[in-house]
């Protein structure tokens, strides 16, 4: 996904650098070291900073989509592999939605309204498989 700077604080570069330094320039989840071959994939490790969606101290749920939430405990320096795995359910749901939307636009599926977990009023697939329902539940906390 392309980086949209408008969703992040103006000083995001400095925040990102600080988090990577705090983590000792290694992945918080697997320990892969920046610039070195990844121990599992062999690819050169690039660290990115992920928003984890950690709850606030008062118990309010965190949101990994809130890019302005730059509390240290909500951010983690992750290698490409761990960052992708951390966001996997969302990526899979978005991919399923895109495939469904393209079929609807091509006239290959009937249009049946269903709430999209990402945007209010947008539709989702008419055929919800157990796997897709589980991914939606993971992202939204709702049961179908």
Foldseek 3Di string as FASTA:
>chain_A
DDDDCVLADPCVVVLFVVQCVVVVQAFPPPGHHAQAQGPPPGDHWDWGKFFQQPADPVRHTGARSNNHPSDSVRITTHTPVVRCVSCVLVVVLVVQQVVQVVCVVVVNDDDDADADLVDGPDGGDPDQDPVSQVSSCVNRVDHD
